[in-house]
Amino acid sequence: MAQKQHAARPRPVDVDASGEDMSEKEFHSEEDASMDDVSGSEDEHSDTDISDEESADPGQSYEQQIGNLSFGALKQAQDAVSRKRKRGSDTTPDQEDKLAALRDRLRQIKEQKASKTSETSKSAKKPKPANRAPSDDDDSEDDSDSDSDSGPSEEDAPNKSRTSKHAPAAQSTKYQVSRRRQVVDVPKRNVRDPRFDAFHQGAPTGNIDKAYSFLVDYQKDEIKQLKAEIKRTKNEEEKDVLRRKVNSMENRLKAKAAKEREQEVLRKHRKEEKAKVEQGKTPYYLKKKELKEKALVEKFKGMKSKERQKLIEKRQKKESQKEKKKMPEARRMAVG
């Protein structure tokens, strides 16, 4: 009986100054012990009755002992069990004070843990200093930090949030302001090149050629001046340079004239085909070979008889040279 009473007594509550080793499990165990203390005094009488009856007849069996129990003892035992289940039903003011003190202590421990976690997160965000050897001062600071009861509360921390969303943002003075900064916001200037603009349509080439036709006259006058310079100069090297320049300018004019003839032929052909399409006929599109042949015919029409004969002889000579290159060497020697 004495052992049961000793087991039912609650352990003395040791409220440590730091409170860091206290946990929720210890809180619940101490609360259960205090509640058992309430029911222990009430069960003492019922337990003594049951133990007296068991010690009275040691030779009887377990069933006989249960049968000899009185209804009053069973009622007292049932009431004791129901009181244990109902926690805090018949607690005394002293026990309630103990429970309130334990709850307050547990709340303090939770607040300390929350403050420490916030401190560790802030220290992790700060840049770490250079590597240095641990000293006795650091150890003493660590010991003092661990012995402190409570950390800084969240109310003491400075409020970094702005008073209004329209207020200017606060910037730290630890960092130097860059000398190159935008003082006045100027709208960006968008440059548009009409050559690469999708909305700009290309001008017809015929109008450009008509507008700059005077350049052809300038080139012809320049060729005349170069030919006169060739006649005046006596140095052969200078003559060769001038001749090459004259030939390149003449070839450029000839190529431009040939291109203009082809454009004129193509323009006439399109005009004729357009008239045929209006009559219900299908259009015919010229090939490059046919376009060159028609342009050559137009070239011969505009030339004089001597120039035409000279050009024909030149072309015949060119064609004969091509045929000789294709012939075998034996036949080429016989022909020569």
Protein backbone atom coordinates (compact mmCIF):
# COMPACT_ATOMS: atom_id res chain seq x y z
CA MET A 1 0.00 0.00 0.00
CA ALA A 2 2.85 2.34 0.86
CA GLN A 3 4.43 1.65 -2.56
CA LYS A 4 1.23 2.62 -4.37
CA GLN A 5 0.95 5.85 -2.45
CA HIS A 6 4.59 6.65 -3.16
CA ALA A 7 4.08 6.04 -6.89
CA ALA A 8 1.02 8.26 -6.96
CA ARG A 9 2.82 11.23 -5.41
CA PRO A 10 3.89 13.95 -7.91
CA ARG A 11 7.53 14.79 -8.41
CA PRO A 12 8.69 18.20 -7.22
CA VAL A 13 8.68 20.78 -10.04
CA ASP A 14 12.19 21.99 -10.75
CA VAL A 15 11.86 25.30 -12.58
CA ASP A 16 15.30 25.98 -14.04
CA ALA A 17 16.50 29.53 -14.65
CA SER A 18 17.33 28.91 -18.31
CA GLY A 19 14.38 26.58 -18.97
CA GLU A 20 15.95 25.24 -22.13
CA ASP A 21 15.84 21.54 -21.09
CA MET A 22 12.11 21.60 -20.38
CA SER A 23 9.98 19.95 -23.08
CA GLU A 24 6.35 19.36 -23.73
CA LYS A 25 6.60 15.71 -22.68
CA GLU A 26 7.91 16.68 -19.24
CA PHE A 27 5.07 19.17 -18.92
CA HIS A 28 2.45 16.50 -19.61
CA SER A 29 4.13 14.01 -17.26
CA GLU A 30 4.14 16.54 -14.42
CA GLU A 31 0.52 17.42 -15.11
CA ASP A 32 -0.45 13.73 -14.95
CA ALA A 33 1.46 13.35 -11.69
CA SER A 34 -0.36 16.30 -10.13
CA MET A 35 -3.73 14.88 -11.20
CA ASP A 36 -2.82 11.48 -9.75
CA ASP A 37 -2.06 13.19 -6.45
CA VAL A 38 -5.70 14.31 -6.27
CA SER A 39 -7.05 10.80 -6.74
CA GLY A 40 -4.36 9.19 -4.54
CA SER A 41 -5.82 10.48 -1.29
CA GLU A 42 -9.30 9.29 -2.25
CA ASP A 43 -8.13 5.82 -3.31
CA GLU A 44 -6.21 5.27 -0.10
CA HIS A 45 -9.23 4.13 1.85
CA SER A 46 -10.49 1.80 -0.89
CA ASP A 47 -7.05 0.25 -1.37
CA THR A 48 -6.71 -0.45 2.35
CA ASP A 49 -10.03 -2.27 2.37
CA ILE A 50 -9.10 -4.41 -0.61
CA SER A 51 -5.65 -5.24 0.81
CA ASP A 52 -7.17 -6.19 4.18
CA GLU A 53 -9.57 -8.58 2.52
CA GLU A 54 -6.79 -10.13 0.41
CA SER A 55 -4.52 -10.58 3.45
CA ALA A 56 -7.38 -12.00 5.54
CA ASP A 57 -7.75 -15.19 3.56
CA PRO A 58 -4.45 -16.07 1.83
CA GLY A 59 -5.62 -19.62 1.10
CA GLN A 60 -8.64 -18.56 -0.95
CA SER A 61 -8.51 -18.41 -4.72
CA TYR A 62 -8.68 -15.20 -6.77
CA GLU A 63 -12.34 -15.75 -7.73
CA GLN A 64 -13.35 -16.39 -4.13
CA GLN A 65 -11.60 -13.19 -3.05
CA ILE A 66 -13.51 -11.20 -5.68
CA GLY A 67 -16.73 -12.82 -4.57
CA ASN A 68 -16.10 -11.82 -0.96
CA LEU A 69 -15.69 -8.12 -1.88
CA SER A 70 -18.53 -5.87 -0.73
CA PHE A 71 -20.49 -3.63 -3.05
CA GLY A 72 -19.28 -0.58 -1.15
CA ALA A 73 -15.62 -1.39 -1.90
CA LEU A 74 -16.41 -1.91 -5.58
CA LYS A 75 -18.28 1.39 -5.69
CA GLN A 76 -15.36 3.24 -4.12
CA ALA A 77 -12.91 1.67 -6.60
CA GLN A 78 -15.14 2.63 -9.54
CA ASP A 79 -15.42 6.21 -8.30
CA ALA A 80 -11.64 6.41 -7.93
CA VAL A 81 -11.11 5.24 -11.51
CA SER A 82 -13.66 7.73 -12.85
CA ARG A 83 -11.97 10.56 -10.93
CA LYS A 84 -8.60 9.66 -12.48
CA ARG A 85 -10.12 9.89 -15.95
CA LYS A 86 -11.70 13.25 -15.24
CA ARG A 87 -8.60 15.42 -15.10
CA GLY A 88 -8.98 18.48 -12.93
CA SER A 89 -12.50 17.70 -11.70
CA ASP A 90 -11.64 17.85 -7.97
CA THR A 91 -8.31 19.71 -8.03
CA THR A 92 -7.25 21.96 -5.20
CA PRO A 93 -6.18 25.63 -5.61
CA ASP A 94 -2.53 24.67 -4.94
CA GLN A 95 -2.55 22.14 -7.73
CA GLU A 96 -4.17 24.62 -10.11
CA ASP A 97 -1.45 27.14 -9.28
CA LYS A 98 1.21 24.54 -10.04
CA LEU A 99 -0.41 23.73 -13.39
CA ALA A 100 -0.68 27.42 -14.27
CA ALA A 101 3.00 27.93 -13.38
CA LEU A 102 3.99 24.98 -15.58
CA ARG A 103 1.96 26.34 -18.49
CA ASP A 104 3.56 29.78 -18.13
CA ARG A 105 7.01 28.23 -18.03
CA LEU A 106 6.32 26.19 -21.17
CA ARG A 107 5.10 29.33 -22.95
CA GLN A 108 8.31 31.15 -22.02
CA ILE A 109 10.41 28.27 -23.35
CA LYS A 110 8.56 28.35 -26.69
CA GLU A 111 9.06 32.13 -27.01
CA GLN A 112 12.79 31.75 -26.28
CA LYS A 113 13.14 29.06 -28.95
CA ALA A 114 11.28 31.21 -31.50
CA SER A 115 13.51 34.22 -30.77
CA LYS A 116 16.67 32.11 -31.11
CA THR A 117 15.57 30.72 -34.48
CA SER A 118 14.94 34.27 -35.73
CA GLU A 119 18.42 35.33 -34.56
CA THR A 120 20.07 32.41 -36.33
CA SER A 121 18.25 33.20 -39.59
CA LYS A 122 19.39 36.84 -39.41
CA SER A 123 22.98 35.85 -38.72
CA ALA A 124 22.93 33.46 -41.68
CA LYS A 125 21.90 36.28 -44.02
CA LYS A 126 24.79 38.52 -42.87
CA PRO A 127 28.19 38.06 -44.65
CA LYS A 128 30.58 35.91 -42.68
CA PRO A 129 33.84 37.58 -41.52
CA ALA A 130 37.29 36.36 -42.54
CA ASN A 131 38.65 33.17 -41.05
CA ARG A 132 40.12 33.79 -37.62
CA ALA A 133 41.34 31.52 -34.85
CA PRO A 134 38.94 30.95 -31.93
CA SER A 135 39.94 32.86 -28.78
CA ASP A 136 38.98 32.83 -25.13
CA ASP A 137 36.85 35.94 -25.65
CA ASP A 138 34.73 34.13 -28.22
CA ASP A 139 34.22 31.22 -25.82
CA SER A 140 33.16 33.57 -23.05
CA GLU A 141 30.70 35.29 -25.39
CA ASP A 142 29.22 31.95 -26.42
CA ASP A 143 28.79 30.95 -22.78
CA SER A 144 27.10 34.22 -21.94
CA ASP A 145 24.74 33.83 -24.91
CA SER A 146 23.80 30.30 -23.90
CA ASP A 147 23.17 31.37 -20.28
CA SER A 148 20.88 34.24 -21.23
CA ASP A 149 17.25 33.62 -20.33
CA SER A 150 15.56 35.32 -23.25
CA GLY A 151 16.62 36.84 -26.57
CA PRO A 152 15.52 40.15 -28.09
CA SER A 153 11.82 40.29 -28.80
CA GLU A 154 10.34 41.13 -32.20
CA GLU A 155 8.97 44.42 -30.87
CA ASP A 156 12.52 45.76 -30.26
CA ALA A 157 13.55 45.11 -33.89
CA PRO A 158 13.48 48.21 -36.16
CA ASN A 159 10.55 48.46 -38.52
CA LYS A 160 12.00 48.54 -42.05
CA SER A 161 8.66 48.61 -43.87
CA ARG A 162 7.59 51.85 -45.52
CA THR A 163 4.73 53.88 -44.09
CA SER A 164 3.08 54.01 -47.51
CA LYS A 165 3.60 52.37 -50.85
CA HIS A 166 4.06 55.82 -52.38
CA ALA A 167 6.83 56.73 -49.94
CA PRO A 168 10.45 56.61 -51.22
CA ALA A 169 12.37 53.43 -50.56
CA ALA A 170 14.98 53.60 -47.80
CA GLN A 171 18.54 52.72 -48.81
CA SER A 172 21.42 51.81 -46.56
CA THR A 173 24.24 54.34 -46.15
CA LYS A 174 26.89 51.61 -46.00
CA TYR A 175 27.14 51.44 -49.78
CA GLN A 176 28.50 54.21 -51.98
CA VAL A 177 26.14 55.76 -54.49
CA SER A 178 27.34 55.37 -58.08
CA ARG A 179 28.42 58.59 -59.75
CA ARG A 180 26.74 57.58 -62.99
CA ARG A 181 22.99 57.67 -62.41
CA GLN A 182 19.87 58.82 -64.20
CA VAL A 183 18.77 62.15 -62.75
CA VAL A 184 15.96 62.97 -65.18
CA ASP A 185 14.02 60.30 -67.04
CA VAL A 186 14.31 61.09 -70.75
CA PRO A 187 12.17 59.15 -73.25
CA LYS A 188 14.20 56.76 -75.36
CA ARG A 189 14.80 57.91 -78.92
CA ASN A 190 13.73 55.34 -81.50
CA VAL A 191 15.66 55.66 -84.77
CA ARG A 192 13.84 54.42 -87.87
CA ASP A 193 15.63 53.52 -91.08
CA PRO A 194 13.21 53.63 -94.05
CA ARG A 195 15.38 51.19 -96.01
CA PHE A 196 14.52 48.37 -93.61
CA ASP A 197 11.01 49.49 -92.75
CA ALA A 198 8.24 47.06 -93.69
CA PHE A 199 5.77 49.91 -94.31
CA HIS A 200 8.08 51.62 -96.80
CA GLN A 201 7.70 50.47 -100.38
CA GLY A 202 10.63 50.53 -102.75
CA ALA A 203 10.62 53.24 -105.39
CA PRO A 204 10.42 52.13 -109.03
CA THR A 205 13.82 51.89 -110.70
CA GLY A 206 12.68 53.77 -113.81
CA ASN A 207 12.14 56.98 -111.90
CA ILE A 208 15.58 56.75 -110.27
CA ASP A 209 17.31 56.22 -113.61
CA LYS A 210 15.54 59.24 -115.08
CA ALA A 211 16.39 61.40 -112.09
CA TYR A 212 20.11 60.48 -112.20
CA SER A 213 20.54 60.28 -115.99
CA PHE A 214 22.94 63.25 -115.90
CA LEU A 215 25.57 60.99 -114.27
CA VAL A 216 25.94 59.10 -117.55
CA ASP A 217 26.86 62.34 -119.33
CA TYR A 218 29.45 63.08 -116.63
CA GLN A 219 31.02 59.63 -117.11
CA LYS A 220 31.19 60.07 -120.90
CA ASP A 221 32.92 63.43 -120.50
CA GLU A 222 35.38 61.86 -118.06
CA ILE A 223 36.19 59.10 -120.58
CA LYS A 224 36.97 61.72 -123.23
CA GLN A 225 39.31 63.53 -120.85
CA LEU A 226 41.13 60.28 -119.99
CA LYS A 227 41.61 59.45 -123.68
CA ALA A 228 43.08 62.88 -124.29
CA GLU A 229 45.38 62.35 -121.28
CA ILE A 230 46.57 59.05 -122.78
CA LYS A 231 47.61 60.83 -125.96
CA ARG A 232 49.53 63.49 -124.07
CA THR A 233 51.46 61.22 -121.67
CA LYS A 234 54.71 59.59 -122.80
CA ASN A 235 55.21 57.25 -119.82
CA GLU A 236 54.01 53.75 -120.73
CA GLU A 237 53.09 52.78 -117.17
CA GLU A 238 50.83 55.80 -116.79
CA LYS A 239 49.26 55.03 -120.16
CA ASP A 240 48.47 51.46 -119.05
CA VAL A 241 46.84 52.73 -115.85
CA LEU A 242 44.74 55.24 -117.80
CA ARG A 243 43.73 52.63 -120.41
CA ARG A 244 42.56 50.21 -117.70
CA LYS A 245 40.53 52.97 -116.11
CA VAL A 246 38.95 53.93 -119.45
CA ASN A 247 38.10 50.29 -120.25
CA SER A 248 36.46 49.75 -116.85
CA MET A 249 34.33 52.88 -117.26
CA GLU A 250 33.30 51.94 -120.82
CA ASN A 251 32.41 48.39 -119.74
CA ARG A 252 30.34 49.81 -116.88
CA LEU A 253 28.42 52.03 -119.31
CA LYS A 254 27.90 49.14 -121.74
CA ALA A 255 26.57 46.87 -118.96
CA LYS A 256 24.21 49.58 -117.83
CA ALA A 257 22.99 50.15 -121.40
CA ALA A 258 22.43 46.40 -121.87
CA LYS A 259 20.44 46.24 -118.64
CA GLU A 260 18.31 49.19 -119.75
CA ARG A 261 17.60 47.46 -123.08
CA GLU A 262 16.50 44.29 -121.28
CA GLN A 263 14.24 46.32 -119.01
CA GLU A 264 12.73 48.08 -121.99
CA VAL A 265 12.10 44.77 -123.79
CA LEU A 266 10.51 43.30 -120.67
CA ARG A 267 8.33 46.40 -120.23
CA LYS A 268 7.05 46.16 -123.81
CA HIS A 269 6.38 42.43 -123.49
CA ARG A 270 4.38 42.91 -120.29
CA LYS A 271 2.35 45.65 -121.92
CA GLU A 272 1.50 43.39 -124.88
CA GLU A 273 0.62 40.45 -122.64
CA LYS A 274 -1.60 42.65 -120.51
CA ALA A 275 -3.57 43.64 -123.62
CA LYS A 276 -3.90 39.95 -124.57
CA VAL A 277 -5.14 39.05 -121.08
CA GLU A 278 -7.86 41.70 -121.44
CA GLN A 279 -8.92 39.92 -124.63
CA GLY A 280 -9.19 36.62 -122.74
CA LYS A 281 -5.86 35.03 -123.66
CA THR A 282 -3.40 33.42 -121.26
CA PRO A 283 -0.22 35.42 -120.51
CA TYR A 284 3.21 34.24 -121.66
CA TYR A 285 6.26 34.82 -119.47
CA LEU A 286 9.64 35.33 -121.11
CA LYS A 287 12.63 33.19 -120.17
CA LYS A 288 16.06 34.69 -119.54
CA LYS A 289 17.45 33.34 -122.79
CA GLU A 290 14.58 34.77 -124.83
CA LEU A 291 14.92 38.08 -123.04
CA LYS A 292 18.64 38.29 -123.95
CA GLU A 293 17.95 37.41 -127.59
CA LYS A 294 15.30 40.09 -127.93
CA ALA A 295 17.58 42.62 -126.25
CA LEU A 296 20.35 41.72 -128.72
CA VAL A 297 17.96 42.25 -131.64
CA GLU A 298 17.09 45.68 -130.30
CA LYS A 299 20.80 46.41 -130.01
CA PHE A 300 21.42 45.53 -133.66
CA LYS A 301 18.50 47.68 -134.75
CA GLY A 302 19.97 50.76 -133.13
CA MET A 303 23.47 50.24 -134.59
CA LYS A 304 24.82 51.42 -137.95
CA SER A 305 25.71 48.98 -140.72
CA LYS A 306 29.49 49.24 -140.19
CA GLU A 307 29.20 48.81 -136.44
CA ARG A 308 26.85 45.92 -136.93
CA GLN A 309 29.26 44.20 -139.36
CA LYS A 310 32.18 44.75 -137.03
CA LEU A 311 30.26 43.27 -134.10
CA ILE A 312 29.24 40.24 -136.17
CA GLU A 313 32.85 39.56 -137.18
CA LYS A 314 33.95 39.85 -133.59
CA ARG A 315 31.34 37.36 -132.48
CA GLN A 316 32.27 34.93 -135.27
CA LYS A 317 35.91 35.07 -134.24
CA LYS A 318 34.95 34.39 -130.65
CA GLU A 319 32.85 31.39 -131.59
CA SER A 320 35.64 29.97 -133.79
CA GLN A 321 38.07 30.21 -130.88
CA LYS A 322 35.66 28.22 -128.71
CA GLU A 323 35.36 25.51 -131.38
CA LYS A 324 39.15 25.22 -131.70
CA LYS A 325 39.48 24.66 -127.97
CA LYS A 326 36.99 21.81 -128.15
CA MET A 327 38.79 20.11 -131.11
CA PRO A 328 41.60 17.51 -130.56
CA GLU A 329 45.21 18.69 -130.94
CA ALA A 330 45.89 16.74 -134.19
CA ARG A 331 42.93 18.22 -136.03
CA ARG A 332 43.70 21.64 -134.56
CA MET A 333 47.21 21.53 -136.11
CA ALA A 334 45.80 20.44 -139.48
CA VAL A 335 43.30 23.26 -139.53
CA GLY A 336 45.95 25.77 -138.54
